[in-house]
Protein backbone atom coordinates (compact mmCIF):
# COMPACT_ATOMS: atom_id res chain seq x y z
CA MET A 1 12.61 24.08 43.70
CA ARG A 2 12.40 26.27 40.60
CA HIS A 3 15.95 25.27 39.66
CA LEU A 4 15.01 21.58 40.02
CA ILE A 5 11.94 21.98 37.80
CA PHE A 6 14.01 23.84 35.20
CA ALA A 7 16.70 21.13 35.29
CA CYS A 8 14.09 18.39 34.77
CA PHE A 9 12.57 20.31 31.87
CA LEU A 10 16.00 20.80 30.30
CA ILE A 11 16.82 17.09 30.59
CA LEU A 12 13.51 16.10 28.97
CA PHE A 13 13.97 18.66 26.20
CA VAL A 14 17.50 17.50 25.42
CA GLN A 15 16.42 13.84 25.38
CA PHE A 16 13.50 14.58 23.06
CA SER A 17 15.63 16.65 20.70
CA TYR A 18 18.29 13.95 20.59
CA ALA A 19 15.74 11.24 19.84
CA ALA A 20 14.11 13.37 17.14
CA SER A 21 17.25 13.87 15.06
CA SER A 22 20.54 13.10 16.81
CA GLY A 23 22.33 14.56 13.78
CA ILE A 24 21.80 11.43 11.71
CA GLU A 25 20.11 13.39 8.92
CA GLY A 26 23.52 14.89 8.14
CA TYR A 27 24.73 11.46 6.96
CA ILE A 28 21.69 10.15 5.08
CA GLU A 29 22.30 10.48 1.35
CA SER A 30 19.55 10.96 -1.22
CA GLY A 31 19.00 7.42 -2.51
CA GLU A 32 16.50 5.21 -4.27
CA LEU A 33 15.52 3.37 -1.08
CA ILE A 34 15.94 4.52 2.52
CA PHE A 35 14.91 2.96 5.80
CA TYR A 36 15.11 4.94 9.04
CA ALA A 37 14.35 3.85 12.61
CA PRO A 38 14.21 6.29 15.56
CA SER A 39 16.42 3.98 17.65
CA ILE A 40 17.87 0.47 17.74
CA GLU A 41 15.88 -0.12 20.92
CA GLU A 42 12.58 0.76 19.20
CA LEU A 43 13.48 -1.30 16.14
CA ILE A 44 14.11 -4.44 18.21
CA ALA A 45 11.01 -3.94 20.38
CA THR A 46 8.89 -3.38 17.28
CA THR A 47 10.37 -6.40 15.53
CA ARG A 48 9.60 -8.64 18.49
CA SER A 49 6.08 -7.23 18.83
CA LEU A 50 5.26 -7.69 15.14
CA MET A 51 6.64 -11.22 15.06
CA LYS A 52 4.47 -12.08 18.05
CA ARG A 53 1.41 -10.55 16.38
CA PHE A 54 2.04 -12.15 13.01
CA TYR A 55 3.29 -15.58 14.00
CA SER A 56 1.44 -16.16 17.29
CA ARG A 57 2.33 -19.66 18.55
CA ASN A 58 5.41 -19.84 16.31
CA TYR A 59 6.78 -16.63 17.83
CA GLU A 60 9.36 -18.18 20.16
CA GLN A 61 10.62 -20.47 17.41
CA MET A 62 10.99 -17.54 15.01
CA ILE A 63 12.89 -15.46 17.59
CA LEU A 64 15.28 -18.34 18.29
CA GLN A 65 15.84 -18.81 14.56
CA VAL A 66 16.68 -15.13 13.98
CA SER A 67 19.02 -15.10 16.97
CA ALA A 68 20.77 -18.28 15.83
CA ASP A 69 21.18 -17.02 12.27
CA SER A 70 22.65 -13.69 13.41
CA LYS A 71 25.08 -15.41 15.78
CA SER A 72 26.19 -17.66 12.95
CA SER A 73 26.68 -14.75 10.53
CA TYR A 74 27.90 -11.94 12.81
CA GLY A 75 28.89 -13.58 16.08
CA ILE A 76 26.18 -11.74 18.09
CA ASP A 77 22.46 -11.86 18.75
CA VAL A 78 21.12 -8.80 16.91
CA LEU A 79 17.91 -8.91 18.98
CA ASP A 80 19.70 -8.59 22.32
CA LEU A 81 20.12 -4.99 23.50
CA ASN A 82 22.77 -5.75 26.14
CA THR A 83 24.97 -7.47 23.57
CA LEU A 84 24.68 -4.54 21.15
CA GLU A 85 25.60 -2.09 23.92
CA LYS A 86 28.60 -4.19 24.89
CA ILE A 87 30.10 -4.08 21.38
CA GLY A 88 29.82 -0.28 21.40
CA LEU A 89 26.50 0.59 19.77
CA ASN A 90 24.17 3.26 21.14
CA THR A 91 20.81 1.49 21.22
CA LYS A 92 18.87 4.67 22.05
CA ALA A 93 19.91 6.59 18.91
CA PRO A 94 18.59 6.40 15.30
CA LEU A 95 19.90 4.15 12.53
CA SER A 96 19.39 4.03 8.78
CA PHE A 97 19.95 1.92 5.68
CA VAL A 98 20.49 3.78 2.40
CA HIS A 99 20.37 2.17 -1.04
CA ILE A 100 21.87 4.59 -3.56
CA SER A 101 21.66 2.76 -6.91
CA ASN A 102 23.10 -0.18 -8.86
CA ASN A 103 23.29 -2.37 -5.75
CA THR A 104 25.35 0.18 -3.82
CA GLY A 105 24.39 1.44 -0.40
CA TYR A 106 25.40 1.59 3.23
CA LEU A 107 24.24 0.87 6.77
CA LEU A 108 24.49 3.72 9.28
CA LEU A 109 24.61 2.74 12.97
CA PRO A 110 24.90 4.91 16.11
CA VAL A 111 28.08 4.49 18.15
CA ARG A 112 28.64 4.71 21.90
CA ASN A 113 32.19 3.32 21.97
CA LYS A 114 34.36 3.49 18.82
CA LYS A 115 37.02 1.16 20.20
CA GLY A 116 34.35 -1.42 21.00
CA ILE A 117 33.03 -1.26 17.42
CA GLU A 118 36.52 -1.56 15.95
CA LYS A 119 37.21 -4.59 18.14
CA PHE A 120 33.95 -6.23 17.04
CA ILE A 121 34.74 -5.60 13.37
CA LYS A 122 38.22 -7.09 13.76
CA ASN A 123 37.04 -10.18 15.67
CA ASN A 124 33.79 -10.97 13.87
CA LEU A 125 33.92 -9.37 10.43
CA GLU A 126 37.64 -9.88 9.95
CA ASN A 127 37.91 -6.30 8.62
CA LYS A 128 36.38 -7.48 5.33
CA VAL A 129 33.60 -4.87 5.29
CA PRO A 130 34.80 -1.29 4.63
CA TYR A 131 33.60 1.19 7.24
CA ARG A 132 34.00 4.82 8.24
CA PHE A 133 33.17 6.78 11.40
CA PHE A 134 31.14 10.00 11.26
CA ASP A 135 31.04 11.63 14.69
CA ASN A 136 28.73 9.32 16.67
CA TYR A 137 27.94 7.03 13.74
CA VAL A 138 29.65 4.30 11.76
CA ALA A 139 28.79 3.51 8.14
CA PHE A 140 29.35 0.09 6.55
CA SER A 141 29.46 -0.35 2.77
CA GLU A 142 31.11 -2.59 0.20
CA ASP A 143 31.79 0.54 -1.84
CA LYS A 144 34.73 2.48 -0.36
CA LYS A 145 34.16 5.39 -2.75
CA LEU A 146 30.61 5.72 -1.51
CA LEU A 147 31.80 6.01 2.09
CA ASN A 148 34.00 8.95 1.12
CA ASN A 149 31.08 10.76 -0.57
CA ILE A 150 28.60 10.56 2.30
CA GLY A 151 27.37 14.06 3.11
CA LYS A 152 27.63 15.52 -0.40
CA ASN A 153 24.06 14.81 -1.63
CA LEU A 154 21.91 14.65 1.47
CA LEU A 155 18.27 13.58 1.50
CA GLY A 156 17.46 16.74 3.44
CA ASN A 157 18.28 18.80 0.33
CA ASN A 158 15.91 16.78 -1.87
CA LYS A 159 12.82 18.85 -2.83
CA GLY A 160 10.67 15.74 -2.94
CA PHE A 161 11.69 14.79 0.58
CA ALA A 162 10.97 18.33 1.81
CA LEU A 163 7.47 18.08 0.30
CA SER A 164 6.87 14.63 1.80
CA ARG A 165 8.16 15.67 5.20
CA LYS A 166 5.62 18.49 5.28
CA LYS A 167 2.74 16.27 4.12
CA LEU A 168 3.58 13.54 6.64
CA ASN A 169 4.48 15.87 9.51
CA PHE A 170 7.70 13.89 9.86
CA ASP A 171 10.44 15.12 12.22
CA TRP A 172 12.77 12.10 12.50
CA ASP A 173 10.55 10.81 15.32
CA LYS A 174 8.96 7.79 13.57
CA PHE A 175 9.96 4.90 11.37
CA PHE A 176 10.40 6.19 7.83
CA VAL A 177 10.75 4.63 4.37
CA TRP A 178 11.62 6.47 1.16
CA ILE A 179 11.29 4.88 -2.31
CA GLU A 180 12.04 6.56 -5.65
CA SER A 181 10.54 5.52 -9.00
CA SER A 182 14.00 4.60 -10.30
CA TYR A 183 14.15 1.84 -7.68
CA LEU A 184 10.85 0.40 -8.97
CA SER A 185 12.20 0.64 -12.52
CA GLY A 186 15.20 -1.40 -11.44
CA ILE A 187 12.98 -4.07 -9.91
CA SER A 188 10.90 -4.24 -13.11
CA SER A 189 14.05 -4.78 -15.15
CA SER A 190 15.38 -7.43 -12.79
CA ILE A 191 12.22 -9.56 -13.07
CA GLY A 192 12.26 -9.37 -16.84
CA VAL A 193 9.38 -6.95 -17.44
CA THR A 194 11.52 -4.70 -19.61
CA SER A 195 15.01 -3.27 -19.59
CA ASN A 196 13.85 0.05 -21.04
CA ILE A 197 11.26 1.09 -18.49
CA LYS A 198 11.65 4.69 -17.36
CA LEU A 199 8.95 5.78 -14.98
CA PRO A 200 8.44 9.55 -14.54
CA TYR A 201 10.48 10.84 -11.61
CA GLY A 202 8.43 10.20 -8.52
CA PHE A 203 8.67 8.97 -4.96
CA SER A 204 6.73 7.48 -2.08
CA ALA A 205 7.42 8.38 1.54
CA PHE A 206 6.10 6.33 4.47
CA ALA A 207 5.87 7.53 8.06
CA ILE A 208 5.08 4.51 10.24
CA ASN A 209 3.77 4.60 13.79
CA PHE A 210 3.82 1.28 15.66
CA LYS A 211 1.36 1.01 18.55
CA PRO A 212 0.37 -1.96 20.76
CA GLN A 213 -3.01 -2.37 19.05
CA ASN A 214 -2.28 -1.19 15.51
CA ILE A 215 0.20 0.01 12.91
CA SER A 216 -0.62 3.37 11.40
CA ILE A 217 1.05 4.26 8.10
CA LYS A 218 0.85 7.64 6.38
CA LEU A 219 2.04 7.55 2.81
CA TYR A 220 2.60 10.40 0.37
CA SER A 221 3.23 9.47 -3.27
CA ALA A 222 4.01 12.03 -5.94
CA ILE A 223 5.29 12.54 -9.47
CA ILE A 224 7.03 15.83 -10.17
CA SER A 225 5.75 16.98 -13.56
CA SER A 226 3.35 19.51 -15.06
CA ASN A 227 1.12 16.64 -16.26
CA GLN A 228 0.78 15.47 -12.66
CA LEU A 229 -0.62 18.83 -11.58
CA LEU A 230 -3.30 18.58 -14.26
CA TYR A 231 -4.21 15.02 -13.31
CA MET A 232 -4.44 15.75 -9.58
CA GLN A 233 -6.79 18.69 -10.19
CA SER A 234 -8.98 16.78 -12.66
CA LEU A 235 -9.32 13.57 -10.65
CA LYS A 236 -11.52 15.38 -8.13
CA ASN A 237 -13.79 16.91 -10.80
CA VAL A 238 -16.68 14.47 -10.54
CA SER A 239 -20.34 14.62 -9.58
CA ALA A 240 -22.84 11.77 -9.31
CA SER A 241 -26.41 11.37 -8.13
CA GLU A 242 -27.00 7.74 -7.27
CA LYS A 243 -30.42 6.10 -6.82
CA PHE A 244 -28.99 3.51 -4.41
CA ASP A 245 -25.63 2.34 -3.03
CA ILE A 246 -25.08 -1.43 -3.14
CA LEU A 247 -22.75 -1.17 -0.13
CA ASP A 248 -25.79 -0.33 2.00
CA TYR A 249 -27.11 -3.82 1.19
CA VAL A 250 -23.99 -5.90 1.90
CA GLU A 251 -24.80 -9.13 3.73
CA GLY A 252 -22.68 -11.00 6.27
CA ASN A 253 -19.01 -10.20 6.96
CA PRO A 254 -17.24 -9.73 3.61
CA ALA A 255 -13.51 -10.23 3.20
CA LEU A 256 -13.18 -6.90 1.39
CA VAL A 257 -15.40 -3.88 0.79
CA GLY A 258 -14.23 -1.09 -1.50
CA ASN A 259 -15.57 2.30 -2.51
CA VAL A 260 -13.97 4.51 -5.17
CA TYR A 261 -15.23 7.95 -6.15
CA LEU A 262 -12.99 9.66 -8.71
CA ASN A 263 -13.03 11.00 -12.26
CA MET A 264 -12.71 7.62 -14.01
CA PRO A 265 -11.83 8.89 -17.52
CA MET A 266 -9.04 10.99 -16.03
CA LEU A 267 -8.00 8.13 -13.73
CA TYR A 268 -7.65 5.86 -16.76
CA LYS A 269 -5.56 8.50 -18.58
CA TYR A 270 -3.48 8.94 -15.43
CA PHE A 271 -2.59 5.25 -15.20
CA SER A 272 -1.95 5.14 -18.94
CA TYR A 273 0.49 8.01 -18.40
CA ILE A 274 2.27 6.18 -15.58
CA ASP A 275 2.13 2.79 -17.34
CA SER A 276 3.13 4.27 -20.71
CA ILE A 277 4.54 0.97 -21.99
CA ASN A 278 1.48 -0.98 -20.84
CA ILE A 279 3.19 -3.25 -18.30
CA LEU A 280 -0.18 -4.18 -16.79
CA GLY A 281 -1.63 -4.91 -20.23
CA ILE A 282 -4.87 -2.98 -19.61
CA LYS A 283 -4.61 -0.74 -22.65
CA GLY A 284 -3.70 -3.69 -24.87
CA LEU A 285 -6.72 -5.63 -23.62
CA PHE A 286 -9.08 -2.73 -24.29
CA ASN A 287 -7.66 -2.29 -27.80
CA GLU A 288 -8.11 -5.99 -28.54
CA LEU A 289 -11.73 -5.93 -27.31
CA LYS A 290 -12.43 -2.93 -29.52
CA GLN A 291 -10.77 -4.22 -32.68
CA LYS A 292 -11.66 -7.90 -32.44
CA TYR A 293 -15.06 -7.86 -30.69
CA LYS A 294 -16.31 -4.27 -31.20
CA VAL A 295 -16.50 -3.70 -27.44
CA ASN A 296 -15.51 -0.08 -26.76
CA VAL A 297 -14.62 -0.13 -23.05
CA GLU A 298 -13.11 3.36 -23.06
CA ASN A 299 -16.06 5.11 -24.72
CA ASP A 300 -19.08 3.12 -23.50
CA LEU A 301 -17.93 2.34 -19.96
CA ILE A 302 -15.00 4.43 -18.70
CA ASN A 303 -16.05 7.72 -20.32
CA ASN A 304 -19.66 6.99 -19.31
CA SER A 305 -18.72 6.47 -15.66
CA ASP A 306 -20.02 8.97 -13.11
CA GLY A 307 -17.06 8.24 -10.82
CA ARG A 308 -18.58 5.57 -8.58
CA LEU A 309 -17.08 2.10 -8.27
CA LYS A 310 -18.17 -0.38 -5.58
CA ILE A 311 -16.51 -3.75 -5.04
CA VAL A 312 -17.17 -6.53 -2.53
CA ILE A 313 -15.30 -9.80 -2.02
CA ASP A 314 -17.83 -11.86 -0.10
CA ARG A 315 -15.52 -14.75 0.72
CA TYR A 316 -13.44 -17.49 -0.84
CA ASP A 317 -15.51 -20.43 -2.10
CA SER A 318 -13.37 -23.52 -1.44
CA VAL A 319 -15.74 -25.71 -3.48
CA GLN A 320 -15.59 -23.54 -6.61
CA ASN A 321 -11.96 -22.63 -5.82
CA GLN A 322 -12.57 -18.93 -6.45
CA TYR A 323 -13.62 -15.73 -4.71
CA ARG A 324 -17.29 -14.72 -4.65
CA ILE A 325 -17.23 -11.13 -5.93
CA TYR A 326 -19.83 -8.54 -6.78
CA GLY A 327 -19.96 -4.81 -7.36
CA SER A 328 -21.29 -1.92 -9.39
CA ILE A 329 -20.09 0.82 -11.71
CA GLY A 330 -22.02 4.09 -11.67
CA VAL A 331 -22.92 5.39 -15.14
CA LYS A 332 -24.03 8.78 -16.46
CA ASP A 333 -26.25 7.44 -19.23
CA PRO A 334 -28.05 4.08 -18.71
CA ASN A 335 -28.70 3.85 -22.47
CA THR A 336 -24.99 3.98 -23.27
CA ALA A 337 -24.41 1.38 -20.54
CA GLY A 338 -27.11 -0.74 -22.21
CA MET A 339 -25.23 -0.52 -25.52
CA PHE A 340 -22.07 -1.64 -23.73
CA VAL A 341 -23.92 -4.64 -22.30
CA GLU A 342 -25.26 -5.45 -25.78
CA SER A 343 -21.80 -5.25 -27.39
CA LEU A 344 -20.42 -7.43 -24.58
CA LYS A 345 -23.18 -9.97 -25.27
CA ASN A 346 -22.24 -10.12 -28.95
CA ALA A 347 -18.58 -10.53 -28.04
CA PHE A 348 -19.30 -13.47 -25.76
CA PHE A 349 -21.09 -15.21 -28.64
CA GLN A 350 -17.81 -15.16 -30.54
CA VAL A 351 -15.68 -16.86 -27.89
CA ASP A 352 -15.78 -20.27 -26.29
CA GLY A 353 -18.40 -20.44 -23.57
CA LYS A 354 -22.13 -20.04 -23.14
CA LEU A 355 -24.32 -16.97 -22.67
CA TYR A 356 -27.69 -17.08 -20.92
CA SER A 357 -30.22 -14.33 -20.30
CA PHE A 358 -32.65 -13.92 -17.39
CA ASP A 359 -34.74 -11.20 -15.75
CA LEU A 360 -34.54 -9.67 -12.28
CA PHE A 361 -37.55 -7.48 -11.46
CA THR A 362 -38.21 -7.20 -15.24
CA LYS A 363 -34.63 -5.99 -15.82
CA PRO A 364 -32.60 -8.00 -18.37
CA PHE A 365 -29.46 -9.71 -17.01
CA TYR A 366 -26.90 -11.99 -18.60
CA HIS A 367 -24.77 -14.91 -17.49
CA TYR A 368 -21.57 -15.69 -19.32
CA LYS A 369 -20.18 -19.11 -18.43
CA GLY A 370 -16.56 -19.56 -19.41
CA SER A 371 -14.35 -22.60 -18.96
CA ASN A 372 -12.94 -21.40 -15.61
CA TYR A 373 -15.32 -18.69 -14.41
CA SER A 374 -18.80 -17.21 -14.60
CA ILE A 375 -19.95 -13.61 -14.63
CA TYR A 376 -23.46 -12.21 -14.20
CA TYR A 377 -24.20 -8.62 -15.19
CA GLY A 378 -26.94 -6.12 -16.04
CA VAL A 379 -28.03 -2.50 -15.61
CA ILE A 380 -30.47 -1.13 -13.01
CA GLU A 381 -31.10 2.62 -12.92
CA ASN A 382 -27.65 4.23 -13.32
CA ASP A 383 -25.63 1.26 -12.04
CA LEU A 384 -24.00 -1.55 -14.00
CA LEU A 385 -24.10 -4.52 -11.61
CA PHE A 386 -21.79 -7.52 -11.87
CA SER A 387 -21.14 -10.68 -9.86
CA THR A 388 -19.39 -14.03 -10.06
CA ASP A 389 -22.31 -15.70 -8.26
CA LYS A 390 -26.01 -15.60 -9.21
CA ASP A 391 -27.31 -15.94 -5.64
CA LEU A 392 -25.21 -12.97 -4.53
CA LEU A 393 -26.54 -10.86 -7.39
CA THR A 394 -30.15 -11.96 -6.90
CA ASN A 395 -30.10 -11.28 -3.15
CA LEU A 396 -28.55 -7.87 -3.78
CA VAL A 397 -31.18 -6.84 -6.34
CA VAL A 398 -34.03 -8.13 -4.15
CA SER A 399 -32.65 -6.18 -1.17
CA VAL A 400 -32.42 -3.02 -3.28
CA PHE A 401 -36.00 -3.29 -4.61
CA GLU A 402 -37.36 -4.17 -1.16
CA ASN A 403 -35.25 -1.41 0.43
CA ARG A 404 -33.56 -3.68 3.00
CA GLY A 405 -30.61 -1.35 3.52
CA GLY A 406 -28.87 0.08 6.57
CA ARG A 407 -25.69 -2.00 6.38
CA LEU A 408 -23.42 1.02 6.07
CA GLU A 409 -23.99 1.75 9.76
CA LYS A 410 -21.86 -1.29 10.55
CA MET A 411 -18.89 0.02 8.58
CA PRO A 412 -15.92 1.86 10.18
CA ASP A 413 -16.37 5.61 10.60
CA PHE A 414 -13.82 6.58 7.95
CA PHE A 415 -15.68 4.45 5.39
CA LYS A 416 -19.28 5.48 6.00
CA ASN A 417 -18.30 9.15 6.43
CA ALA A 418 -16.57 9.07 3.04
CA ILE A 419 -19.76 7.77 1.41
CA ARG A 420 -22.04 10.23 3.20
CA GLU A 421 -19.84 13.19 2.31
CA LYS A 422 -19.08 11.88 -1.20
CA SER A 423 -15.37 12.18 -0.50
CA LYS A 424 -13.14 11.94 -3.57
CA GLY A 425 -10.73 9.04 -3.29
CA TYR A 426 -10.59 5.31 -2.60
CA PHE A 427 -11.58 3.50 0.61
CA LEU A 428 -11.08 -0.18 1.50
CA THR A 429 -11.76 -2.40 4.50
CA ILE A 430 -10.12 -5.83 4.52
CA ASP A 431 -10.68 -8.81 6.81
CA LEU A 432 -7.44 -10.74 6.28
CA GLN A 433 -8.65 -13.91 7.95
CA SER A 434 -11.68 -14.13 5.64
CA LEU A 435 -9.64 -13.06 2.63
CA PHE A 436 -7.09 -15.88 2.95
CA ASN A 437 -9.13 -18.55 4.75
CA ASN A 438 -9.29 -21.80 2.73
CA VAL A 439 -7.62 -20.19 -0.28
CA LYS A 440 -6.18 -22.80 -2.63
CA THR A 441 -3.48 -21.17 -4.72
CA GLY A 442 0.14 -21.77 -5.58
CA ILE A 443 1.11 -19.48 -2.71
CA GLN A 444 1.34 -21.42 0.55
CA ILE A 445 0.66 -19.22 3.59
CA ASP A 446 1.47 -20.47 7.09
CA ARG A 447 -1.82 -20.83 8.99
CA GLU A 448 -0.29 -18.96 11.93
CA PHE A 449 0.90 -16.04 9.81
CA LEU A 450 -1.12 -12.81 10.31
CA ILE A 451 -3.42 -14.58 12.75
CA GLY A 452 -3.17 -11.62 15.14
CA VAL A 453 -4.39 -9.12 12.53
CA GLN A 454 -8.09 -8.29 12.87
CA ASN A 455 -8.54 -6.05 9.84
CA VAL A 456 -6.84 -3.55 7.56
CA TYR A 457 -8.14 -0.16 6.45
CA ILE A 458 -6.66 1.42 3.31
CA TYR A 459 -7.76 4.77 1.97
CA GLY A 460 -6.43 7.77 0.10
CA PHE A 461 -7.26 10.83 -1.93
CA PRO A 462 -5.59 13.23 -4.37
CA ASP A 463 -3.72 16.11 -2.77
CA THR A 464 -6.03 19.09 -2.36
CA GLU A 465 -3.45 21.82 -1.77
CA GLU A 466 -1.93 24.23 -4.28
CA ASN A 467 0.77 22.67 -6.49
CA ALA A 468 -0.63 19.22 -5.73
CA TYR A 469 1.75 16.60 -7.10
CA GLY A 470 0.59 13.52 -5.27
CA TRP A 471 -1.70 11.32 -3.25
CA ASN A 472 -2.31 11.22 0.50
CA ASN A 473 -2.65 7.58 1.54
CA PHE A 474 -3.32 5.85 4.84
CA VAL A 475 -3.02 2.24 6.02
CA ASP A 476 -4.25 1.07 9.43
CA ILE A 477 -3.40 -2.50 10.43
CA ASN A 478 -5.51 -3.33 13.48
CA PHE A 479 -4.71 -6.22 15.84
CA TYR A 480 -7.03 -8.31 17.97
CA PRO A 481 -7.10 -7.16 21.63
């Protein structure tokens, strides 16, 4: 009996160890983009599950289309496990795709029968795609030289990967994605942003866990530089004492609710450091406002921030063809915030549009009406409030003065706990159905797409450990039961 128990334990241990690594890490090069799946079987099951969740009634049609396309291109149905086993693949072992650089890369597949794979390549690929066997794996690449160099610069020897693996608790047992900043630079160049962009060396590593009711993603992003260490330490240096929290007065079921609590001046410097050539145009906009309209956003708003930013997307207004948005920015000095509001008022007088003033509980507020949008704003206590809709703003202020709060109790635990504990970071809840319902934009979204997704939680915070180079981020995509 004891021998039987020991044998069962040994079998389970060997199977687990094989699934966790299977030696594949010895053939994964350090590249700009890497995708890893723990097995072909899991990849196909996950693909089918996600397509069913995302496409609902169109699921069967989508599956048939993928199968037909793969048969046309490769002569086999890539979603059929039996077919893949028959051609010689090991569907219970890991696989990986590695993009090195300059459009070079390779696909690494586990092999059960080498002769079967060679026969498939001869009959269906006409030996046009270079390949090479590595023990129980076969690598396909259009670059023959690359195939000969596999194993010389492994991802496992990359210091950034070692750091990410520790942060994510990754042991080749989950889906994994690796992206380096050079890959993002290449994308920026390809879409015409600039050909000279050189982001600081950094990376993002994703460990993805697919479950029946949700997808859980842990993401670690970092930049390896001495400046990064300074930024990560300083971003958490913030302290605020708020009189009220507008998120405790949120009405209805908003499409998005966001809470940010970070050192805003340092956060602005951090993004300026990353976006040194001003791809997003934020720095250029602030400079124009300062020089042309005497509105000093950096000094009177960002440097006056106490770290709190609240944002709510109520819903999409199909009549006005825009989102109904409101929020608040916490300020250290209400007088400085008042000067910012005054300078903004003077600026609006100089541009096309109309500016109106009104009072809410004896507090002065303003309404700027542009050609395509409206914005309402004013200061109460140590909060600069803003909204695209007057009724939203009025109801919010009335609720605050009449103390009709308690809405935070309806928020997910991670969100309300972050507010109660004044956690440093960013925290978002998103209702995808409300966010995209009735949206009229140039992007056409299939009504069935994402219909199985109930909500999405996104949150993250600067690394708190010694030699902190990055951010710990989390994404939870939750499905309807």
